[in-house]
């Protein structure tokens, strides 16, 4: 699963960006309850990639939201990457929840004129064959996204079994995804899965891409409008030589 949770802010209409925008910098009582509901959604999955998550600052009540969701949903392993700090007010981060123990966790800063975007890469399996899971939250500008995905393509090509997921801020037929798939073995099994905005989804800017070595049983968007994005999910069958350790 990949889910942009907007730091636990429930958004159901465009005007909420104005009326609830202050919640991006200040704490609010409803945030914890919404995170609990998100925890119920992610509980049924093995690996969850989270974007727009706070790592513990004023706006989140100094709670690391990745850890909060791991505890709420019963995930034994969780990792986060903070990409932008605004003093004590905000710690913009990516986070991963997992039921399997990763062999390795690497955090990469992505290129761009405006800093604050990153990739979190977790490697699962054994000393032989392994699976890389790459979590991304890309820039708003196309030029920056092209640079970022060119950088990611080099990293992806180091392992033939890879899953890339996240809020990529671009559509399936965009030049950015064409670049990524053209320079790697990645593919997007289904293209018409809109996730944004959550109350009337029209744009498929959240994606899960897989290497050709991985079999996809299903992919869908879940209708749980607890953020301004909907979660996207995929069931993947791994080759028998990849053994995940719980």
C-alpha atoms as a PDB file:
ATOM      1  CA  UNK A   1       0.000   0.000   0.000  1.00  0.00           C
ATOM      2  CA  UNK A   2       1.012   3.587  -0.662  1.00  0.00           C
ATOM      3  CA  UNK A   3      -0.792   6.387   1.153  1.00  0.00           C
ATOM      4  CA  UNK A   4      -0.240  10.140   1.343  1.00  0.00           C
ATOM      5  CA  UNK A   5      -1.868  10.828   4.729  1.00  0.00           C
ATOM      6  CA  UNK A   6      -1.385  14.635   4.816  1.00  0.00           C
ATOM      7  CA  UNK A   7      -0.092  14.418   8.426  1.00  0.00           C
ATOM      8  CA  UNK A   8      -3.449  13.042   9.561  1.00  0.00           C
ATOM      9  CA  UNK A   9      -5.530  15.989   8.320  1.00  0.00           C
ATOM     10  CA  UNK A  10      -8.927  14.913   7.013  1.00  0.00           C
ATOM     11  CA  UNK A  11      -9.787  16.870   3.856  1.00  0.00           C
ATOM     12  CA  UNK A  12     -13.112  16.357   2.076  1.00  0.00           C
ATOM     13  CA  UNK A  13     -13.523  19.537   0.018  1.00  0.00           C
ATOM     14  CA  UNK A  14     -11.251  22.086  -1.685  1.00  0.00           C
ATOM     15  CA  UNK A  15     -12.273  24.792   0.787  1.00  0.00           C
ATOM     16  CA  UNK A  16     -10.788  22.684   3.595  1.00  0.00           C
ATOM     17  CA  UNK A  17      -7.342  23.663   2.276  1.00  0.00           C
ATOM     18  CA  UNK A  18      -8.226  27.172   3.484  1.00  0.00           C
ATOM     19  CA  UNK A  19     -10.327  26.483   6.560  1.00  0.00           C
ATOM     20  CA  UNK A  20      -8.086  23.688   7.849  1.00  0.00           C
ATOM     21  CA  UNK A  21      -4.771  24.872   6.455  1.00  0.00           C
ATOM     22  CA  UNK A  22      -3.623  26.006   9.903  1.00  0.00           C
ATOM     23  CA  UNK A  23      -3.475  22.349  10.943  1.00  0.00           C
ATOM     24  CA  UNK A  24      -0.317  21.990   8.856  1.00  0.00           C
ATOM     25  CA  UNK A  25       1.515  24.082  11.463  1.00  0.00           C
ATOM     26  CA  UNK A  26      -0.490  23.711  14.687  1.00  0.00           C
ATOM     27  CA  UNK A  27      -1.818  20.685  16.614  1.00  0.00           C
ATOM     28  CA  UNK A  28      -5.497  19.742  16.561  1.00  0.00           C
ATOM     29  CA  UNK A  29      -7.531  17.301  18.639  1.00  0.00           C
ATOM     30  CA  UNK A  30      -8.991  15.497  15.603  1.00  0.00           C
ATOM     31  CA  UNK A  31      -5.585  14.429  14.262  1.00  0.00           C
ATOM     32  CA  UNK A  32      -5.060  11.508  16.660  1.00  0.00           C
ATOM     33  CA  UNK A  33      -8.516  10.098  15.956  1.00  0.00           C
ATOM     34  CA  UNK A  34      -7.972  10.304  12.216  1.00  0.00           C
ATOM     35  CA  UNK A  35      -4.620   8.546  12.575  1.00  0.00           C
ATOM     36  CA  UNK A  36      -6.361   5.780  14.513  1.00  0.00           C
ATOM     37  CA  UNK A  37      -8.757   5.328  11.580  1.00  0.00           C
ATOM     38  CA  UNK A  38      -5.842   5.251   9.164  1.00  0.00           C
ATOM     39  CA  UNK A  39      -4.251   2.617  11.394  1.00  0.00           C
ATOM     40  CA  UNK A  40      -7.314   0.422  10.954  1.00  0.00           C
ATOM     41  CA  UNK A  41      -7.007   0.707   7.161  1.00  0.00           C
ATOM     42  CA  UNK A  42      -3.303  -0.163   6.939  1.00  0.00           C
ATOM     43  CA  UNK A  43      -3.563  -3.034   9.436  1.00  0.00           C
ATOM     44  CA  UNK A  44      -4.395  -5.587   6.734  1.00  0.00           C
ATOM     45  CA  UNK A  45      -1.253  -5.014   4.644  1.00  0.00           C
ATOM     46  CA  UNK A  46       2.320  -6.310   4.791  1.00  0.00           C
ATOM     47  CA  UNK A  47       4.259  -3.231   3.657  1.00  0.00           C
ATOM     48  CA  UNK A  48       2.885   0.317   3.740  1.00  0.00           C
ATOM     49  CA  UNK A  49       4.581   3.399   2.312  1.00  0.00           C
ATOM     50  CA  UNK A  50       3.478   6.699   3.858  1.00  0.00           C
ATOM     51  CA  UNK A  51       4.014  10.205   2.520  1.00  0.00           C
ATOM     52  CA  UNK A  52       3.395  13.584   4.179  1.00  0.00           C
ATOM     53  CA  UNK A  53       3.926  12.111   7.600  1.00  0.00           C
ATOM     54  CA  UNK A  54       5.322  14.075  10.534  1.00  0.00           C
ATOM     55  CA  UNK A  55       8.290  12.753  12.505  1.00  0.00           C
ATOM     56  CA  UNK A  56       7.445  14.561  15.748  1.00  0.00           C
ATOM     57  CA  UNK A  57       6.939  18.328  15.910  1.00  0.00           C
ATOM     58  CA  UNK A  58       4.551  20.966  17.247  1.00  0.00           C
ATOM     59  CA  UNK A  59       1.824  20.253  14.685  1.00  0.00           C
ATOM     60  CA  UNK A  60       1.740  16.521  15.524  1.00  0.00           C
ATOM     61  CA  UNK A  61       1.954  17.048  19.264  1.00  0.00           C
ATOM     62  CA  UNK A  62       5.595  15.887  19.049  1.00  0.00           C
ATOM     63  CA  UNK A  63       4.421  12.411  18.056  1.00  0.00           C
ATOM     64  CA  UNK A  64       6.327  10.469  15.413  1.00  0.00           C
ATOM     65  CA  UNK A  65       3.379   9.481  13.250  1.00  0.00           C
ATOM     66  CA  UNK A  66       5.151   6.507  11.650  1.00  0.00           C
ATOM     67  CA  UNK A  67       5.735   5.023  15.091  1.00  0.00           C
ATOM     68  CA  UNK A  68       2.191   5.883  16.148  1.00  0.00           C
ATOM     69  CA  UNK A  69       0.710   4.013  13.177  1.00  0.00           C
ATOM     70  CA  UNK A  70       3.084   1.077  13.638  1.00  0.00           C
ATOM     71  CA  UNK A  71       1.864   0.638  17.196  1.00  0.00           C
ATOM     72  CA  UNK A  72      -1.792   1.228  16.305  1.00  0.00           C
ATOM     73  CA  UNK A  73      -1.745  -1.302  13.446  1.00  0.00           C
ATOM     74  CA  UNK A  74       0.628  -3.855  14.976  1.00  0.00           C
ATOM     75  CA  UNK A  75       3.624  -3.470  12.650  1.00  0.00           C
ATOM     76  CA  UNK A  76       6.867  -4.734  14.250  1.00  0.00           C
ATOM     77  CA  UNK A  77       9.159  -2.781  11.910  1.00  0.00           C
ATOM     78  CA  UNK A  78       8.955   0.873  10.961  1.00  0.00           C
ATOM     79  CA  UNK A  79      11.353   3.387   9.462  1.00  0.00           C
ATOM     80  CA  UNK A  80      11.135   7.039   8.525  1.00  0.00           C
ATOM     81  CA  UNK A  81      13.099   9.665   6.645  1.00  0.00           C
ATOM     82  CA  UNK A  82      12.796  13.359   7.469  1.00  0.00           C
ATOM     83  CA  UNK A  83      13.343  15.481   4.370  1.00  0.00           C
ATOM     84  CA  UNK A  84      12.436  18.989   5.539  1.00  0.00           C
ATOM     85  CA  UNK A  85      12.480  20.584   8.990  1.00  0.00           C
ATOM     86  CA  UNK A  86      10.734  23.842   9.835  1.00  0.00           C
ATOM     87  CA  UNK A  87      12.134  24.490  13.292  1.00  0.00           C
ATOM     88  CA  UNK A  88       9.956  22.864  15.934  1.00  0.00           C
ATOM     89  CA  UNK A  89       6.811  23.405  13.848  1.00  0.00           C
ATOM     90  CA  UNK A  90       7.062  20.594  11.270  1.00  0.00           C
ATOM     91  CA  UNK A  91       9.213  17.609  10.292  1.00  0.00           C
ATOM     92  CA  UNK A  92       8.102  16.558   6.797  1.00  0.00           C
ATOM     93  CA  UNK A  93       8.870  12.864   6.343  1.00  0.00           C
ATOM     94  CA  UNK A  94       8.325   9.605   4.495  1.00  0.00           C
ATOM     95  CA  UNK A  95       7.613   6.469   6.501  1.00  0.00           C
ATOM     96  CA  UNK A  96       7.407   2.702   5.980  1.00  0.00           C
ATOM     97  CA  UNK A  97       5.533   0.115   8.040  1.00  0.00           C
ATOM     98  CA  UNK A  98       6.502  -3.527   7.561  1.00  0.00           C
ATOM     99  CA  UNK A  99       5.675  -6.975   8.869  1.00  0.00           C
ATOM    100  CA  UNK A 100       9.061  -8.187   7.607  1.00  0.00           C
ATOM    101  CA  UNK A 101      12.514  -7.320   8.886  1.00  0.00           C
ATOM    102  CA  UNK A 102      14.552  -5.421   6.281  1.00  0.00           C
ATOM    103  CA  UNK A 103      18.134  -6.406   5.583  1.00  0.00           C
ATOM    104  CA  UNK A 104      19.065  -2.810   4.886  1.00  0.00           C
ATOM    105  CA  UNK A 105      17.494   0.653   4.979  1.00  0.00           C
ATOM    106  CA  UNK A 106      18.913   3.528   2.940  1.00  0.00           C
ATOM    107  CA  UNK A 107      17.774   7.141   2.757  1.00  0.00           C
ATOM    108  CA  UNK A 108      18.575   9.252  -0.307  1.00  0.00           C
ATOM    109  CA  UNK A 109      18.115  12.974  -0.822  1.00  0.00           C
ATOM    110  CA  UNK A 110      16.617  13.653  -4.230  1.00  0.00           C
ATOM    111  CA  UNK A 111      17.974  16.372  -6.532  1.00  0.00           C
ATOM    112  CA  UNK A 112      16.041  19.586  -7.064  1.00  0.00           C
ATOM    113  CA  UNK A 113      16.295  23.365  -6.884  1.00  0.00           C
ATOM    114  CA  UNK A 114      14.186  23.311  -3.716  1.00  0.00           C
ATOM    115  CA  UNK A 115      15.507  20.792  -1.171  1.00  0.00           C
ATOM    116  CA  UNK A 116      13.208  18.595   0.862  1.00  0.00           C
ATOM    117  CA  UNK A 117      12.409  15.532  -1.261  1.00  0.00           C
ATOM    118  CA  UNK A 118      13.730  12.063  -0.518  1.00  0.00           C
ATOM    119  CA  UNK A 119      13.648   8.354  -1.282  1.00  0.00           C
ATOM    120  CA  UNK A 120      13.574   5.647   1.367  1.00  0.00           C
ATOM    121  CA  UNK A 121      14.798   2.241   0.146  1.00  0.00           C
ATOM    122  CA  UNK A 122      14.317  -0.967   2.124  1.00  0.00           C
ATOM    123  CA  UNK A 123      15.872  -4.276   1.068  1.00  0.00           C
ATOM    124  CA  UNK A 124      14.162  -7.506   2.106  1.00  0.00           C
ATOM    125  CA  UNK A 125      15.107 -11.162   1.723  1.00  0.00           C
ATOM    126  CA  UNK A 126      18.303 -13.109   2.214  1.00  0.00           C
ATOM    127  CA  UNK A 127      21.936 -12.881   1.148  1.00  0.00           C
ATOM    128  CA  UNK A 128      21.047 -14.306  -2.285  1.00  0.00           C
ATOM    129  CA  UNK A 129      17.975 -12.878  -3.992  1.00  0.00           C
ATOM    130  CA  UNK A 130      16.396  -9.792  -2.450  1.00  0.00           C
ATOM    131  CA  UNK A 131      13.555  -7.337  -2.954  1.00  0.00           C
ATOM    132  CA  UNK A 132      13.981  -3.564  -2.917  1.00  0.00           C
ATOM    133  CA  UNK A 133      11.020  -1.402  -1.908  1.00  0.00           C
ATOM    134  CA  UNK A 134      11.459   2.258  -2.858  1.00  0.00           C
ATOM    135  CA  UNK A 135       9.245   4.935  -1.298  1.00  0.00           C
ATOM    136  CA  UNK A 136       9.062   8.342  -2.995  1.00  0.00           C
ATOM    137  CA  UNK A 137       7.370  11.700  -2.719  1.00  0.00           C
ATOM    138  CA  UNK A 138       8.363  13.729  -5.759  1.00  0.00           C
ATOM    139  CA  UNK A 139       8.469  17.458  -6.426  1.00  0.00           C
ATOM    140  CA  UNK A 140       5.585  19.539  -7.780  1.00  0.00           C
ATOM    141  CA  UNK A 141       7.551  20.785 -10.810  1.00  0.00           C
ATOM    142  CA  UNK A 142       8.071  18.597 -13.882  1.00  0.00           C
ATOM    143  CA  UNK A 143      11.708  19.551 -14.411  1.00  0.00           C
ATOM    144  CA  UNK A 144      12.573  18.539 -10.853  1.00  0.00           C
ATOM    145  CA  UNK A 145      10.616  15.284 -11.169  1.00  0.00           C
ATOM    146  CA  UNK A 146      12.526  14.343 -14.319  1.00  0.00           C
ATOM    147  CA  UNK A 147      15.817  14.835 -12.487  1.00  0.00           C
ATOM    148  CA  UNK A 148      14.572  12.907  -9.487  1.00  0.00           C
ATOM    149  CA  UNK A 149      13.353   9.923 -11.504  1.00  0.00           C
ATOM    150  CA  UNK A 150      16.563   9.835 -13.546  1.00  0.00           C
ATOM    151  CA  UNK A 151      18.388   9.539 -10.223  1.00  0.00           C
ATOM    152  CA  UNK A 152      15.974   6.829  -9.025  1.00  0.00           C
ATOM    153  CA  UNK A 153      16.400   4.866 -12.264  1.00  0.00           C
ATOM    154  CA  UNK A 154      20.092   4.410 -11.480  1.00  0.00           C
ATOM    155  CA  UNK A 155      19.276   3.088  -8.011  1.00  0.00           C
ATOM    156  CA  UNK A 156      16.504   0.780  -9.251  1.00  0.00           C
ATOM    157  CA  UNK A 157      18.768  -0.892 -11.796  1.00  0.00           C
ATOM    158  CA  UNK A 158      20.936  -2.309  -9.010  1.00  0.00           C
ATOM    159  CA  UNK A 159      18.326  -4.963  -8.135  1.00  0.00           C
ATOM    160  CA  UNK A 160      16.156  -6.912 -10.577  1.00  0.00           C
ATOM    161  CA  UNK A 161      13.331  -7.310  -8.031  1.00  0.00           C
ATOM    162  CA  UNK A 162      11.981  -3.867  -7.154  1.00  0.00           C
ATOM    163  CA  UNK A 163       8.760  -2.155  -6.106  1.00  0.00           C
ATOM    164  CA  UNK A 164       8.520   1.633  -6.404  1.00  0.00           C
ATOM    165  CA  UNK A 165       5.623   3.391  -4.698  1.00  0.00           C
ATOM    166  CA  UNK A 166       4.568   6.823  -3.607  1.00  0.00           C
ATOM    167  CA  UNK A 167       3.042  10.177  -4.435  1.00  0.00           C
ATOM    168  CA  UNK A 168       4.836  10.897  -7.704  1.00  0.00           C
ATOM    169  CA  UNK A 169       2.815  14.040  -8.526  1.00  0.00           C
ATOM    170  CA  UNK A 170       2.466  12.989 -12.176  1.00  0.00           C
ATOM    171  CA  UNK A 171       0.127  10.902 -14.316  1.00  0.00           C
ATOM    172  CA  UNK A 172       0.771   7.443 -15.747  1.00  0.00           C
ATOM    173  CA  UNK A 173       1.292   8.792 -19.282  1.00  0.00           C
ATOM    174  CA  UNK A 174       3.592  11.621 -18.172  1.00  0.00           C
ATOM    175  CA  UNK A 175       7.114  12.095 -19.575  1.00  0.00           C
ATOM    176  CA  UNK A 176       8.424  11.467 -16.061  1.00  0.00           C
ATOM    177  CA  UNK A 177       7.019   7.944 -15.781  1.00  0.00           C
ATOM    178  CA  UNK A 178       7.918   7.230 -19.397  1.00  0.00           C
ATOM    179  CA  UNK A 179      11.500   8.132 -18.504  1.00  0.00           C
ATOM    180  CA  UNK A 180      11.512   5.884 -15.433  1.00  0.00           C
ATOM    181  CA  UNK A 181       9.988   2.873 -17.200  1.00  0.00           C
ATOM    182  CA  UNK A 182      12.123   3.440 -20.295  1.00  0.00           C
ATOM    183  CA  UNK A 183      15.367   3.300 -18.323  1.00  0.00           C
ATOM    184  CA  UNK A 184      14.408   0.446 -15.984  1.00  0.00           C
ATOM    185  CA  UNK A 185      12.516  -2.840 -15.955  1.00  0.00           C
ATOM    186  CA  UNK A 186       9.638  -1.238 -14.036  1.00  0.00           C
ATOM    187  CA  UNK A 187       6.036  -1.342 -15.207  1.00  0.00           C
ATOM    188  CA  UNK A 188       2.713  -0.081 -13.909  1.00  0.00           C
ATOM    189  CA  UNK A 189       0.191  -2.944 -14.286  1.00  0.00           C
ATOM    190  CA  UNK A 190      -2.900  -0.699 -14.144  1.00  0.00           C
ATOM    191  CA  UNK A 191      -2.986   2.926 -15.284  1.00  0.00           C
ATOM    192  CA  UNK A 192      -6.477   4.207 -14.564  1.00  0.00           C
ATOM    193  CA  UNK A 193      -6.489   4.339 -10.753  1.00  0.00           C
ATOM    194  CA  UNK A 194      -7.202   7.951  -9.724  1.00  0.00           C
ATOM    195  CA  UNK A 195      -6.387   8.838  -6.121  1.00  0.00           C
ATOM    196  CA  UNK A 196      -6.670  12.636  -5.968  1.00  0.00           C
ATOM    197  CA  UNK A 197      -8.603  14.482  -4.700  1.00  0.00           C
ATOM    198  CA  UNK A 198     -10.007  11.926  -2.292  1.00  0.00           C
ATOM    199  CA  UNK A 199     -13.573  13.312  -2.376  1.00  0.00           C
ATOM    200  CA  UNK A 200     -13.742  13.244  -6.194  1.00  0.00           C
ATOM    201  CA  UNK A 201     -10.721  11.320  -7.503  1.00  0.00           C
ATOM    202  CA  UNK A 202      -9.764  12.325 -11.044  1.00  0.00           C
ATOM    203  CA  UNK A 203      -5.957  12.247 -11.145  1.00  0.00           C
ATOM    204  CA  UNK A 204      -3.754   9.173 -10.776  1.00  0.00           C
ATOM    205  CA  UNK A 205      -0.698  10.757  -9.187  1.00  0.00           C
ATOM    206  CA  UNK A 206      -0.063   7.995  -6.636  1.00  0.00           C
ATOM    207  CA  UNK A 207       1.571   4.922  -8.143  1.00  0.00           C
ATOM    208  CA  UNK A 208       2.946   1.452  -7.481  1.00  0.00           C
ATOM    209  CA  UNK A 209       5.356   0.115 -10.109  1.00  0.00           C
ATOM    210  CA  UNK A 210       6.997  -3.319 -10.137  1.00  0.00           C
ATOM    211  CA  UNK A 211       9.784  -5.154 -11.935  1.00  0.00           C
ATOM    212  CA  UNK A 212       8.786  -7.675 -14.602  1.00  0.00           C
ATOM    213  CA  UNK A 213       9.988 -10.496 -12.311  1.00  0.00           C
ATOM    214  CA  UNK A 214       7.088  -9.802  -9.929  1.00  0.00           C
ATOM    215  CA  UNK A 215       3.588 -11.105 -10.581  1.00  0.00           C
ATOM    216  CA  UNK A 216       0.699  -8.783  -9.736  1.00  0.00           C
ATOM    217  CA  UNK A 217      -2.544 -10.373  -8.594  1.00  0.00           C
ATOM    218  CA  UNK A 218      -4.539  -7.197  -8.034  1.00  0.00           C
ATOM    219  CA  UNK A 219      -4.305  -3.428  -7.730  1.00  0.00           C
ATOM    220  CA  UNK A 220      -6.958  -1.031  -6.503  1.00  0.00           C
ATOM    221  CA  UNK A 221      -7.681   2.307  -4.878  1.00  0.00           C
ATOM    222  CA  UNK A 222      -9.497   2.139  -1.549  1.00  0.00           C
ATOM    223  CA  UNK A 223     -12.370   4.536  -0.920  1.00  0.00           C
ATOM    224  CA  UNK A 224     -11.246   5.831   2.487  1.00  0.00           C
ATOM    225  CA  UNK A 225     -11.202   9.661   2.265  1.00  0.00           C
ATOM    226  CA  UNK A 226      -9.229  10.328   5.451  1.00  0.00           C
ATOM    227  CA  UNK A 227      -6.666  12.539   3.669  1.00  0.00           C
ATOM    228  CA  UNK A 228      -6.708  14.547   0.456  1.00  0.00           C
ATOM    229  CA  UNK A 229      -5.380  11.398  -1.280  1.00  0.00           C
ATOM    230  CA  UNK A 230      -6.846   7.896  -1.386  1.00  0.00           C
ATOM    231  CA  UNK A 231      -4.628   4.880  -0.639  1.00  0.00           C
ATOM    232  CA  UNK A 232      -3.504   2.692  -3.537  1.00  0.00           C
ATOM    233  CA  UNK A 233      -2.867  -1.008  -2.953  1.00  0.00           C
ATOM    234  CA  UNK A 234      -1.326  -3.930  -4.811  1.00  0.00           C
ATOM    235  CA  UNK A 235      -1.022  -7.651  -4.150  1.00  0.00           C
ATOM    236  CA  UNK A 236       2.322  -8.929  -5.453  1.00  0.00           C
ATOM    237  CA  UNK A 237       3.603 -12.511  -5.765  1.00  0.00           C
ATOM    238  CA  UNK A 238       7.361 -12.797  -5.222  1.00  0.00           C
ATOM    239  CA  UNK A 239       9.642 -15.323  -6.934  1.00  0.00           C
ATOM    240  CA  UNK A 240      10.215 -18.401  -4.718  1.00  0.00           C
ATOM    241  CA  UNK A 241      13.893 -17.552  -4.278  1.00  0.00           C
ATOM    242  CA  UNK A 242      12.998 -14.410  -2.301  1.00  0.00           C
ATOM    243  CA  UNK A 243      12.259 -15.313   1.308  1.00  0.00           C
ATOM    244  CA  UNK A 244      10.964 -12.538   3.565  1.00  0.00           C
ATOM    245  CA  UNK A 245      11.825 -12.799   7.246  1.00  0.00           C
ATOM    246  CA  UNK A 246       9.179 -11.787   9.784  1.00  0.00           C
END
